[in-house]
Amino acid sequence: MYRATIDGERTELVLDSGASVILIDESAYEEIYKGKEKPLKQARRRIYSYGSSSPLPLLKAIEAEIAEKSNSISATLHVVKGRSGNLLGYDTVPRGPVMFYALAIEVIYLLVLVTVVCR
């Protein structure tokens, strides 16, 4: 789990080294922006989960600042309908030490998973 700040609110996201976008679910959006005015725009992309032929149910897209310690980036977040969790694509991660630890943990997890499955 990767902990970052999205527009000033602490949020947990899954770091996905294969994802090219940032996804937050509807419930996270409501929690982060409760009582705040945040301009939404129409989501112009179709985003598919791995192996799926149906696009994800995107509600809107927003521009946000994502920060981890002293590192931050401005990025487009895609809001997905429901409570499916939050996903942070590797290419969009603010570069800092926490990101490298989170990626190392993901790699170790995948190695263990592959070892177990291949036995």
Protein backbone atom coordinates (compact mmCIF):
# COMPACT_ATOMS: atom_id res chain seq x y z
CA MET A 1 0.00 0.00 0.00
CA TYR A 2 1.30 3.44 -0.91
CA ARG A 3 0.30 6.38 1.26
CA ALA A 4 0.21 9.76 -0.43
CA THR A 5 -1.53 13.07 -0.10
CA ILE A 6 -4.07 14.00 -2.77
CA ASP A 7 -4.94 17.70 -2.67
CA GLY A 8 -4.03 17.80 1.03
CA GLU A 9 -5.82 14.61 2.15
CA ARG A 10 -3.95 11.42 3.13
CA THR A 11 -5.01 8.51 0.94
CA GLU A 12 -3.94 4.92 0.43
CA LEU A 13 -3.36 3.65 -3.08
CA VAL A 14 -2.11 0.40 -4.54
CA LEU A 15 1.12 0.96 -6.45
CA ASP A 16 0.83 -0.79 -9.81
CA SER A 17 3.99 -0.94 -11.89
CA GLY A 18 1.97 -1.86 -14.99
CA ALA A 19 -0.66 0.88 -14.74
CA SER A 20 -0.37 4.05 -16.78
CA VAL A 21 -3.07 6.04 -14.96
CA ILE A 22 -4.23 7.01 -11.49
CA LEU A 23 -7.63 5.71 -10.45
CA ILE A 24 -9.59 6.62 -7.36
CA ASP A 25 -12.93 5.14 -6.56
CA GLU A 26 -16.10 7.12 -5.99
CA SER A 27 -15.96 6.74 -2.21
CA ALA A 28 -12.36 8.02 -2.03
CA TYR A 29 -13.30 10.99 -4.22
CA GLU A 30 -16.17 11.85 -1.87
CA GLU A 31 -13.91 11.54 1.18
CA ILE A 32 -11.07 13.62 -0.28
CA TYR A 33 -13.27 16.40 -1.67
CA LYS A 34 -16.05 16.48 0.93
CA GLY A 35 -17.07 20.13 1.28
CA LYS A 36 -14.52 21.31 -1.29
CA GLU A 37 -15.13 22.70 -4.73
CA LYS A 38 -13.14 20.70 -7.25
CA PRO A 39 -13.80 21.16 -10.96
CA LEU A 40 -14.54 17.87 -12.69
CA LYS A 41 -14.11 17.24 -16.37
CA GLN A 42 -15.49 14.57 -18.62
CA ALA A 43 -13.26 11.50 -18.72
CA ARG A 44 -12.06 11.30 -22.32
CA ARG A 45 -10.18 8.01 -22.09
CA ARG A 46 -11.38 4.46 -22.05
CA ILE A 47 -9.49 2.50 -19.45
CA TYR A 48 -9.49 -1.28 -19.30
CA SER A 49 -8.37 -3.57 -16.52
CA TYR A 50 -5.88 -6.25 -17.51
CA GLY A 51 -7.47 -8.87 -19.73
CA SER A 52 -10.86 -7.15 -19.92
CA SER A 53 -12.74 -6.19 -23.07
CA SER A 54 -15.07 -3.82 -21.21
CA PRO A 55 -13.91 -0.35 -20.11
CA LEU A 56 -14.01 0.66 -16.45
CA PRO A 57 -17.07 2.73 -15.43
CA LEU A 58 -15.39 6.14 -15.27
CA LEU A 59 -17.42 8.97 -13.77
CA LYS A 60 -15.15 11.97 -14.28
CA ALA A 61 -11.55 13.09 -14.30
CA ILE A 62 -9.89 15.71 -12.09
CA GLU A 63 -6.57 17.49 -11.95
CA ALA A 64 -4.94 17.04 -8.56
CA GLU A 65 -1.66 17.38 -6.71
CA ILE A 66 -0.23 14.14 -5.37
CA ALA A 67 2.50 14.46 -2.77
CA GLU A 68 4.78 12.11 -0.88
CA LYS A 69 6.92 13.89 1.71
CA SER A 70 8.60 16.78 -0.15
CA ASN A 71 7.97 15.42 -3.66
CA SER A 72 4.81 16.23 -5.58
CA ILE A 73 3.31 16.07 -9.05
CA SER A 74 0.21 17.40 -10.74
CA ALA A 75 -1.71 14.63 -12.45
CA THR A 76 -5.07 13.60 -13.85
CA LEU A 77 -7.05 11.27 -11.60
CA HIS A 78 -9.83 9.18 -13.08
CA VAL A 79 -12.80 8.60 -10.78
CA VAL A 80 -14.25 5.07 -11.06
CA LYS A 81 -17.79 4.24 -9.99
CA GLY A 82 -18.13 2.26 -6.76
CA ARG A 83 -15.74 1.19 -4.02
CA SER A 84 -13.09 -0.72 -5.95
CA GLY A 85 -10.00 0.85 -4.39
CA ASN A 86 -7.38 3.33 -5.55
CA LEU A 87 -4.57 2.64 -8.01
CA LEU A 88 -1.39 4.61 -8.59
CA GLY A 89 0.46 3.90 -11.83
CA TYR A 90 4.25 3.69 -11.46
CA ASP A 91 4.90 6.38 -14.09
CA THR A 92 2.79 8.86 -12.12
CA VAL A 93 4.35 8.32 -8.68
CA PRO A 94 6.08 11.29 -7.03
CA ARG A 95 9.72 10.22 -6.96
CA GLY A 96 10.91 9.78 -3.40
CA PRO A 97 12.20 7.15 -0.96
CA VAL A 98 8.76 5.87 0.06
CA MET A 99 7.93 5.09 -3.57
CA PHE A 100 11.06 2.96 -3.93
CA TYR A 101 10.23 1.01 -0.74
CA ALA A 102 6.66 0.46 -1.94
CA LEU A 103 7.91 -0.77 -5.32
CA ALA A 104 10.45 -3.08 -3.65
CA ILE A 105 7.67 -4.59 -1.51
CA GLU A 106 5.54 -5.13 -4.63
CA VAL A 107 8.43 -6.88 -6.41
CA ILE A 108 9.06 -9.14 -3.38
CA TYR A 109 5.35 -9.98 -3.21
CA LEU A 110 5.29 -10.89 -6.91
CA LEU A 111 8.39 -13.08 -6.54
CA VAL A 112 6.82 -14.93 -3.62
CA LEU A 113 3.56 -15.34 -5.55
CA VAL A 114 5.37 -16.70 -8.61
CA THR A 115 7.37 -19.10 -6.42
CA VAL A 116 4.22 -20.44 -4.76
CA VAL A 117 2.28 -20.78 -8.03
CA CYS A 118 5.16 -22.51 -9.84
CA ARG A 119 5.61 -25.22 -7.18
